[in-house]
């Protein structure tokens, strides 16, 4: 071995080192990010579960133990308010709903002023109830019919 071959070997090693330094640094950074992500996920798994967030503010949900009881309470409130306002409840059936929400499908009819007042009362008073969908149509005798789905939070 002479000095020329040693110098050539050192120069070639330097070139290889220069070419692989940037990819190696990027790989080390990616490995560090992956380790940090893993540590954060492991900490999330080890942490106690978070308390469920209520759907509505306290006092606005229907006080019930399950969706079926919430539907019964909603139906009772609607029938009572309709009877007091002179509105006919033609239909009041359970409707599909999501978690923590109870829904009823209803059809109301009567004098326009009474039906509109009842719908307003249902949506304004506690517990918080809203029409998911609704349709109003005129009747031949001067009255109106409201059909729709009413939802309320029960948890």
N, C-alpha and C. Protein backbone atom coordinates (compact mmCIF):
# COMPACT_ATOMS: atom_id res chain seq x y z
N UNK A 1 0.84 -1.17 0.00
CA UNK A 1 0.00 0.00 0.00
C UNK A 1 0.88 1.23 0.00
N UNK A 2 0.54 2.08 -0.82
CA UNK A 2 1.28 3.33 -0.86
C UNK A 2 0.34 4.46 -0.45
N UNK A 3 0.92 5.61 -0.40
CA UNK A 3 0.15 6.77 0.07
C UNK A 3 -0.98 7.11 -0.88
N UNK A 4 -0.86 6.89 -2.11
CA UNK A 4 -1.89 7.23 -3.09
C UNK A 4 -3.14 6.39 -2.88
N UNK A 5 -2.97 5.10 -2.63
CA UNK A 5 -4.14 4.25 -2.41
C UNK A 5 -4.81 4.56 -1.09
N UNK A 6 -4.01 4.89 -0.09
CA UNK A 6 -4.60 5.26 1.21
C UNK A 6 -5.37 6.57 1.07
N UNK A 7 -4.81 7.52 0.35
CA UNK A 7 -5.48 8.81 0.14
C UNK A 7 -6.76 8.61 -0.65
N UNK A 8 -6.68 7.71 -1.66
CA UNK A 8 -7.87 7.42 -2.46
C UNK A 8 -8.95 6.76 -1.60
N UNK A 9 -8.57 5.86 -0.73
CA UNK A 9 -9.52 5.20 0.18
C UNK A 9 -10.14 6.19 1.15
N UNK A 10 -9.34 7.08 1.70
CA UNK A 10 -9.87 8.11 2.63
C UNK A 10 -10.79 9.06 1.89
N UNK A 11 -10.44 9.44 0.69
CA UNK A 11 -11.30 10.34 -0.10
C UNK A 11 -12.61 9.66 -0.44
N UNK A 12 -12.56 8.41 -0.84
CA UNK A 12 -13.79 7.68 -1.16
C UNK A 12 -14.66 7.53 0.08
N UNK A 13 -14.04 7.25 1.23
CA UNK A 13 -14.79 7.16 2.49
C UNK A 13 -15.44 8.47 2.84
N UNK A 14 -14.73 9.56 2.58
CA UNK A 14 -15.29 10.90 2.84
C UNK A 14 -16.48 11.18 1.95
N UNK A 15 -16.39 10.78 0.67
CA UNK A 15 -17.50 10.98 -0.26
C UNK A 15 -18.71 10.17 0.19
N UNK A 16 -18.50 8.90 0.56
CA UNK A 16 -19.61 8.04 1.04
C UNK A 16 -20.22 8.63 2.30
N UNK A 17 -19.39 9.12 3.21
CA UNK A 17 -19.88 9.74 4.44
C UNK A 17 -20.71 10.98 4.12
N UNK A 18 -20.25 11.79 3.19
CA UNK A 18 -20.99 13.00 2.81
C UNK A 18 -22.32 12.65 2.17
N UNK A 19 -22.34 11.61 1.33
CA UNK A 19 -23.58 11.23 0.65
C UNK A 19 -24.60 10.59 1.59
N UNK A 20 -24.16 9.91 2.63
CA UNK A 20 -25.09 9.21 3.52
C UNK A 20 -25.41 10.00 4.79
N UNK A 21 -24.75 11.10 5.04
CA UNK A 21 -24.97 11.86 6.27
C UNK A 21 -26.38 12.45 6.33
N UNK A 22 -26.84 13.07 5.26
CA UNK A 22 -28.17 13.71 5.26
C UNK A 22 -29.29 12.68 5.38
N UNK A 23 -29.30 11.59 4.59
CA UNK A 23 -30.34 10.58 4.79
C UNK A 23 -30.30 9.95 6.19
N UNK A 24 -29.12 9.75 6.73
CA UNK A 24 -29.01 9.18 8.07
C UNK A 24 -29.57 10.14 9.11
N UNK A 25 -29.30 11.43 8.95
CA UNK A 25 -29.83 12.43 9.89
C UNK A 25 -31.35 12.47 9.81
N UNK A 26 -31.91 12.40 8.60
CA UNK A 26 -33.37 12.39 8.44
C UNK A 26 -33.98 11.14 9.08
N UNK A 27 -33.33 10.01 8.93
CA UNK A 27 -33.83 8.77 9.52
C UNK A 27 -33.82 8.84 11.04
N UNK A 28 -32.77 9.44 11.60
CA UNK A 28 -32.69 9.59 13.06
C UNK A 28 -33.79 10.52 13.55
N UNK A 29 -34.07 11.61 12.83
CA UNK A 29 -35.16 12.52 13.20
C UNK A 29 -36.51 11.82 13.13
N UNK A 30 -36.73 11.03 12.08
CA UNK A 30 -37.99 10.29 11.94
C UNK A 30 -38.15 9.28 13.07
N UNK A 31 -37.07 8.63 13.44
CA UNK A 31 -37.11 7.69 14.55
C UNK A 31 -37.45 8.40 15.86
N UNK A 32 -36.88 9.56 16.07
CA UNK A 32 -37.16 10.33 17.29
C UNK A 32 -38.63 10.75 17.33
N UNK A 33 -39.18 11.21 16.19
CA UNK A 33 -40.61 11.59 16.13
C UNK A 33 -41.50 10.38 16.41
N UNK A 34 -41.14 9.24 15.86
CA UNK A 34 -41.93 8.02 16.09
C UNK A 34 -41.90 7.63 17.56
N UNK A 35 -40.75 7.75 18.19
CA UNK A 35 -40.65 7.44 19.62
C UNK A 35 -41.49 8.40 20.45
N UNK A 36 -41.48 9.69 20.09
CA UNK A 36 -42.30 10.67 20.82
C UNK A 36 -43.79 10.38 20.64
N UNK A 37 -44.20 10.04 19.42
CA UNK A 37 -45.60 9.69 19.17
C UNK A 37 -45.99 8.46 19.97
N UNK A 38 -45.13 7.47 19.98
CA UNK A 38 -45.40 6.25 20.74
C UNK A 38 -45.54 6.57 22.23
N UNK A 39 -44.66 7.40 22.76
CA UNK A 39 -44.73 7.75 24.18
C UNK A 39 -46.02 8.51 24.49
N UNK A 40 -46.43 9.42 23.59
CA UNK A 40 -47.67 10.17 23.82
C UNK A 40 -48.88 9.26 23.78
N UNK A 41 -48.92 8.32 22.84
CA UNK A 41 -50.04 7.38 22.76
C UNK A 41 -50.08 6.45 23.96
N UNK A 42 -48.92 6.02 24.41
CA UNK A 42 -48.87 5.17 25.60
C UNK A 42 -49.37 5.93 26.82
N UNK A 43 -49.02 7.22 26.92
CA UNK A 43 -49.50 8.03 28.04
C UNK A 43 -51.01 8.21 27.97
N UNK A 44 -51.56 8.40 26.76
CA UNK A 44 -53.01 8.52 26.60
C UNK A 44 -53.72 7.24 27.03
N UNK A 45 -53.16 6.10 26.67
CA UNK A 45 -53.77 4.83 27.05
C UNK A 45 -53.71 4.60 28.56
N UNK A 46 -52.64 5.05 29.19
CA UNK A 46 -52.48 4.85 30.62
C UNK A 46 -53.30 5.83 31.45
N UNK A 47 -53.70 6.94 30.86
CA UNK A 47 -54.46 7.96 31.59
C UNK A 47 -55.87 7.44 31.88
N UNK A 48 -56.47 7.90 32.98
CA UNK A 48 -57.85 7.48 33.27
C UNK A 48 -58.81 8.04 32.21
N UNK A 49 -59.91 7.33 31.95
CA UNK A 49 -60.84 7.81 30.92
C UNK A 49 -61.46 9.15 31.31
N UNK A 50 -61.71 9.96 30.29
CA UNK A 50 -62.30 11.28 30.54
C UNK A 50 -63.79 11.12 30.81
N UNK A 51 -64.30 12.02 31.61
CA UNK A 51 -65.74 12.01 31.90
C UNK A 51 -66.50 12.39 30.64
N UNK A 52 -67.64 11.77 30.38
CA UNK A 52 -68.40 12.11 29.18
C UNK A 52 -68.90 13.56 29.24
N UNK A 53 -68.86 14.20 28.10
CA UNK A 53 -69.32 15.58 28.00
C UNK A 53 -70.82 15.57 27.75
N UNK A 54 -71.59 16.30 28.57
CA UNK A 54 -73.04 16.30 28.36
C UNK A 54 -73.40 16.96 27.03
N UNK A 55 -74.49 16.48 26.43
CA UNK A 55 -74.94 17.01 25.15
C UNK A 55 -75.49 18.42 25.30
N UNK A 56 -76.21 18.65 26.39
CA UNK A 56 -76.81 19.96 26.65
C UNK A 56 -76.42 20.42 28.05
N UNK A 57 -76.70 21.68 28.32
CA UNK A 57 -76.39 22.24 29.63
C UNK A 57 -77.22 21.57 30.72
N UNK A 58 -76.72 21.55 31.94
CA UNK A 58 -77.48 20.93 33.03
C UNK A 58 -78.88 21.56 33.16
N UNK A 59 -79.86 20.70 33.40
CA UNK A 59 -81.23 21.16 33.56
C UNK A 59 -82.03 21.21 32.27
N UNK A 60 -81.38 21.04 31.12
CA UNK A 60 -82.09 21.10 29.85
C UNK A 60 -82.39 19.73 29.25
N UNK A 61 -81.81 18.68 29.82
CA UNK A 61 -82.06 17.33 29.32
C UNK A 61 -83.31 16.76 29.98
N UNK A 62 -83.92 15.79 29.31
CA UNK A 62 -85.04 15.06 29.88
C UNK A 62 -84.49 14.17 30.99
N UNK A 63 -85.07 14.25 32.17
CA UNK A 63 -84.59 13.45 33.31
C UNK A 63 -85.12 12.03 33.17
N UNK A 64 -84.32 11.16 32.53
CA UNK A 64 -84.73 9.78 32.29
C UNK A 64 -83.53 8.87 32.41
N UNK A 65 -83.82 7.58 32.67
CA UNK A 65 -82.71 6.61 32.81
C UNK A 65 -82.32 6.00 31.47
N UNK A 66 -83.22 6.07 30.47
CA UNK A 66 -82.91 5.54 29.15
C UNK A 66 -83.78 6.24 28.10
N UNK A 67 -83.52 5.94 26.84
CA UNK A 67 -84.23 6.61 25.74
C UNK A 67 -85.72 6.30 25.75
N UNK A 68 -86.09 5.07 26.11
CA UNK A 68 -87.51 4.71 26.12
C UNK A 68 -88.28 5.54 27.15
N UNK A 69 -87.71 5.68 28.33
CA UNK A 69 -88.37 6.49 29.36
C UNK A 69 -88.42 7.96 28.93
N UNK A 70 -87.38 8.43 28.27
CA UNK A 70 -87.36 9.82 27.79
C UNK A 70 -88.47 10.03 26.76
N UNK A 71 -88.68 9.05 25.87
CA UNK A 71 -89.76 9.17 24.88
C UNK A 71 -91.13 9.22 25.56
N UNK A 72 -91.31 8.40 26.60
CA UNK A 72 -92.58 8.40 27.33
C UNK A 72 -92.81 9.77 27.98
N UNK A 73 -91.78 10.32 28.59
CA UNK A 73 -91.91 11.64 29.23
C UNK A 73 -92.18 12.73 28.20
N UNK A 74 -91.51 12.64 27.04
CA UNK A 74 -91.76 13.62 25.99
C UNK A 74 -93.20 13.52 25.49
N UNK A 75 -93.67 12.29 25.28
CA UNK A 75 -95.04 12.09 24.79
C UNK A 75 -96.05 12.61 25.79
N UNK A 76 -95.82 12.35 27.07
CA UNK A 76 -96.73 12.84 28.11
C UNK A 76 -96.80 14.37 28.10
N UNK A 77 -95.63 15.00 27.98
CA UNK A 77 -95.58 16.47 27.97
C UNK A 77 -96.29 17.04 26.73
N UNK A 78 -96.08 16.41 25.58
CA UNK A 78 -96.72 16.89 24.34
C UNK A 78 -98.22 16.71 24.41
N UNK A 79 -98.67 15.54 24.86
CA UNK A 79 -100.12 15.30 24.95
C UNK A 79 -100.78 16.27 25.93
N UNK A 80 -100.13 16.52 27.04
CA UNK A 80 -100.68 17.45 28.03
C UNK A 80 -100.77 18.86 27.47
N UNK A 81 -99.70 19.32 26.83
CA UNK A 81 -99.70 20.67 26.26
C UNK A 81 -100.70 20.79 25.11
N UNK A 82 -100.84 19.73 24.31
CA UNK A 82 -101.79 19.75 23.20
C UNK A 82 -103.23 19.81 23.71
N UNK A 83 -103.53 19.03 24.75
CA UNK A 83 -104.87 19.05 25.31
C UNK A 83 -105.20 20.42 25.90
N UNK A 84 -104.22 21.03 26.54
CA UNK A 84 -104.45 22.36 27.12
C UNK A 84 -104.65 23.42 26.04
N UNK A 85 -104.04 23.23 24.87
CA UNK A 85 -104.13 24.22 23.80
C UNK A 85 -105.19 23.93 22.77
N UNK A 86 -105.91 22.83 22.90
CA UNK A 86 -106.95 22.49 21.94
C UNK A 86 -106.40 21.97 20.62
N UNK A 87 -105.29 21.26 20.67
CA UNK A 87 -104.66 20.71 19.47
C UNK A 87 -104.80 19.20 19.50
N UNK A 88 -105.11 18.61 18.38
CA UNK A 88 -105.27 17.16 18.27
C UNK A 88 -103.91 16.52 17.98
N UNK A 89 -103.55 15.51 18.77
CA UNK A 89 -102.34 14.73 18.52
C UNK A 89 -102.78 13.53 17.69
N UNK A 90 -102.51 13.55 16.40
CA UNK A 90 -102.92 12.46 15.50
C UNK A 90 -101.97 11.27 15.58
N UNK A 91 -100.70 11.56 15.79
CA UNK A 91 -99.70 10.50 15.81
C UNK A 91 -98.58 10.91 16.74
N UNK A 92 -98.09 9.94 17.53
CA UNK A 92 -96.97 10.18 18.43
C UNK A 92 -96.28 8.83 18.65
N UNK A 93 -95.25 8.55 17.84
CA UNK A 93 -94.57 7.25 17.84
C UNK A 93 -93.08 7.44 18.08
N UNK A 94 -92.42 6.39 18.61
CA UNK A 94 -90.97 6.45 18.74
C UNK A 94 -90.31 6.58 17.37
N UNK A 95 -89.19 7.29 17.33
CA UNK A 95 -88.42 7.46 16.09
C UNK A 95 -86.97 7.08 16.37
N UNK A 96 -86.24 6.69 15.33
CA UNK A 96 -84.83 6.34 15.53
C UNK A 96 -84.04 7.55 16.04
N UNK A 97 -83.10 7.27 16.93
CA UNK A 97 -82.29 8.36 17.48
C UNK A 97 -80.90 7.86 17.83
N UNK A 98 -80.00 8.80 18.04
CA UNK A 98 -78.62 8.48 18.37
C UNK A 98 -78.42 8.31 19.86
N UNK A 99 -77.18 8.14 20.26
CA UNK A 99 -76.83 7.95 21.66
C UNK A 99 -77.12 9.22 22.46
N UNK A 100 -77.80 9.05 23.56
CA UNK A 100 -78.10 10.18 24.45
C UNK A 100 -79.23 11.06 23.97
N UNK A 101 -79.90 10.66 22.90
CA UNK A 101 -80.97 11.47 22.33
C UNK A 101 -82.20 10.58 22.16
N UNK A 102 -83.36 11.13 22.50
CA UNK A 102 -84.63 10.43 22.29
C UNK A 102 -85.40 11.18 21.22
N UNK A 103 -86.13 10.45 20.38
CA UNK A 103 -86.88 11.09 19.30
C UNK A 103 -88.27 10.49 19.20
N UNK A 104 -89.22 11.35 18.85
CA UNK A 104 -90.59 10.91 18.59
C UNK A 104 -91.06 11.52 17.28
N UNK A 105 -91.81 10.73 16.52
CA UNK A 105 -92.44 11.23 15.30
C UNK A 105 -93.85 11.65 15.68
N UNK A 106 -94.25 12.83 15.27
CA UNK A 106 -95.56 13.31 15.66
C UNK A 106 -96.29 13.98 14.52
N UNK A 107 -97.60 14.04 14.68
CA UNK A 107 -98.46 14.76 13.74
C UNK A 107 -99.51 15.46 14.59
N UNK A 108 -99.57 16.78 14.48
CA UNK A 108 -100.50 17.61 15.23
C UNK A 108 -101.40 18.34 14.25
N UNK A 109 -102.65 18.56 14.64
CA UNK A 109 -103.53 19.36 13.79
C UNK A 109 -104.49 20.14 14.68
N UNK A 110 -104.98 21.24 14.11
CA UNK A 110 -105.93 22.08 14.82
C UNK A 110 -105.91 23.48 14.24
N UNK A 111 -106.52 24.42 14.96
CA UNK A 111 -106.50 25.80 14.50
C UNK A 111 -105.06 26.31 14.38
N UNK A 112 -104.81 27.10 13.36
CA UNK A 112 -103.45 27.56 13.08
C UNK A 112 -102.81 28.22 14.29
N UNK A 113 -103.51 29.12 14.92
CA UNK A 113 -102.95 29.85 16.06
C UNK A 113 -102.59 28.89 17.19
N UNK A 114 -103.43 27.90 17.46
CA UNK A 114 -103.17 26.95 18.54
C UNK A 114 -102.01 26.03 18.22
N UNK A 115 -101.91 25.57 16.98
CA UNK A 115 -100.82 24.66 16.60
C UNK A 115 -99.48 25.40 16.64
N UNK A 116 -99.45 26.61 16.10
CA UNK A 116 -98.20 27.39 16.12
C UNK A 116 -97.80 27.70 17.56
N UNK A 117 -98.75 28.02 18.41
CA UNK A 117 -98.44 28.29 19.82
C UNK A 117 -97.90 27.04 20.51
N UNK A 118 -98.48 25.88 20.20
CA UNK A 118 -98.00 24.63 20.79
C UNK A 118 -96.58 24.32 20.33
N UNK A 119 -96.30 24.45 19.06
CA UNK A 119 -94.95 24.19 18.55
C UNK A 119 -93.95 25.16 19.21
N UNK A 120 -94.34 26.40 19.34
CA UNK A 120 -93.48 27.38 20.01
C UNK A 120 -93.24 26.98 21.46
N UNK A 121 -94.28 26.56 22.14
CA UNK A 121 -94.15 26.17 23.54
C UNK A 121 -93.24 24.95 23.68
N UNK A 122 -93.40 23.99 22.79
CA UNK A 122 -92.57 22.77 22.84
C UNK A 122 -91.09 23.13 22.68
N UNK A 123 -90.78 24.01 21.76
CA UNK A 123 -89.37 24.33 21.50
C UNK A 123 -88.78 25.32 22.50
N UNK A 124 -89.59 26.11 23.16
CA UNK A 124 -89.06 27.11 24.10
C UNK A 124 -88.90 26.60 25.52
N UNK A 125 -89.78 25.74 25.97
CA UNK A 125 -89.76 25.32 27.37
C UNK A 125 -88.76 24.21 27.62
N UNK A 126 -88.40 24.05 28.89
CA UNK A 126 -87.52 22.96 29.30
C UNK A 126 -88.37 21.71 29.48
N UNK A 127 -87.86 20.55 29.23
CA UNK A 127 -86.52 20.25 28.72
C UNK A 127 -86.37 20.69 27.27
N UNK A 128 -85.13 20.87 26.87
CA UNK A 128 -84.80 21.35 25.54
C UNK A 128 -85.19 20.31 24.49
N UNK A 129 -86.15 20.65 23.65
CA UNK A 129 -86.57 19.79 22.55
C UNK A 129 -86.57 20.59 21.27
N UNK A 130 -86.21 19.94 20.19
CA UNK A 130 -86.16 20.61 18.89
C UNK A 130 -86.72 19.69 17.81
N UNK A 131 -87.30 20.31 16.80
CA UNK A 131 -87.77 19.55 15.65
C UNK A 131 -86.57 19.25 14.76
N UNK A 132 -86.30 17.97 14.55
CA UNK A 132 -85.24 17.56 13.64
C UNK A 132 -85.68 17.84 12.20
N UNK A 133 -86.95 17.57 11.95
CA UNK A 133 -87.53 17.86 10.64
C UNK A 133 -89.02 18.13 10.88
N UNK A 134 -89.59 18.96 10.03
CA UNK A 134 -91.01 19.25 10.19
C UNK A 134 -91.58 19.73 8.87
N UNK A 135 -92.89 19.63 8.78
CA UNK A 135 -93.61 20.08 7.60
C UNK A 135 -94.97 20.57 8.08
N UNK A 136 -95.39 21.70 7.58
CA UNK A 136 -96.70 22.24 7.95
C UNK A 136 -97.54 22.33 6.68
N UNK A 137 -98.81 21.96 6.79
CA UNK A 137 -99.70 22.01 5.63
C UNK A 137 -101.07 22.51 6.08
N UNK A 138 -101.74 23.18 5.16
CA UNK A 138 -103.06 23.73 5.44
C UNK A 138 -104.11 22.64 5.30
N UNK A 139 -105.14 22.72 6.13
CA UNK A 139 -106.27 21.80 6.07
C UNK A 139 -107.47 22.52 5.46
N UNK A 140 -108.44 21.77 5.00
CA UNK A 140 -109.61 22.34 4.32
C UNK A 140 -110.46 23.21 5.24
N UNK A 141 -110.48 22.91 6.54
CA UNK A 141 -111.35 23.64 7.45
C UNK A 141 -110.71 24.89 8.05
N UNK A 142 -109.58 25.33 7.51
CA UNK A 142 -108.91 26.52 8.01
C UNK A 142 -107.84 26.23 9.05
N UNK A 143 -107.67 24.97 9.37
CA UNK A 143 -106.64 24.59 10.33
C UNK A 143 -105.34 24.25 9.64
N UNK A 144 -104.39 23.78 10.43
CA UNK A 144 -103.09 23.36 9.89
C UNK A 144 -102.71 22.03 10.50
N UNK A 145 -101.81 21.34 9.82
CA UNK A 145 -101.25 20.09 10.32
C UNK A 145 -99.73 20.22 10.31
N UNK A 146 -99.11 19.86 11.42
CA UNK A 146 -97.66 19.85 11.54
C UNK A 146 -97.23 18.39 11.71
N UNK A 147 -96.31 17.95 10.86
CA UNK A 147 -95.74 16.62 10.95
C UNK A 147 -94.22 16.78 11.09
N UNK A 148 -93.63 15.94 11.93
CA UNK A 148 -92.18 16.02 12.06
C UNK A 148 -91.64 15.08 13.10
N UNK A 149 -90.35 15.21 13.34
CA UNK A 149 -89.66 14.45 14.37
C UNK A 149 -89.11 15.41 15.40
N UNK A 150 -89.39 15.09 16.65
CA UNK A 150 -88.96 15.93 17.76
C UNK A 150 -87.88 15.17 18.52
N UNK A 151 -86.77 15.84 18.83
CA UNK A 151 -85.66 15.20 19.55
C UNK A 151 -85.36 15.96 20.83
N UNK A 152 -84.86 15.19 21.81
CA UNK A 152 -84.45 15.78 23.09
C UNK A 152 -83.32 14.94 23.66
N UNK A 153 -82.41 15.59 24.37
CA UNK A 153 -81.31 14.88 25.03
C UNK A 153 -81.85 14.31 26.35
N UNK A 154 -81.44 13.11 26.68
CA UNK A 154 -81.89 12.53 27.95
C UNK A 154 -80.75 12.20 28.89
N UNK A 155 -79.52 12.33 28.48
CA UNK A 155 -78.39 12.03 29.38
C UNK A 155 -77.83 13.30 29.94
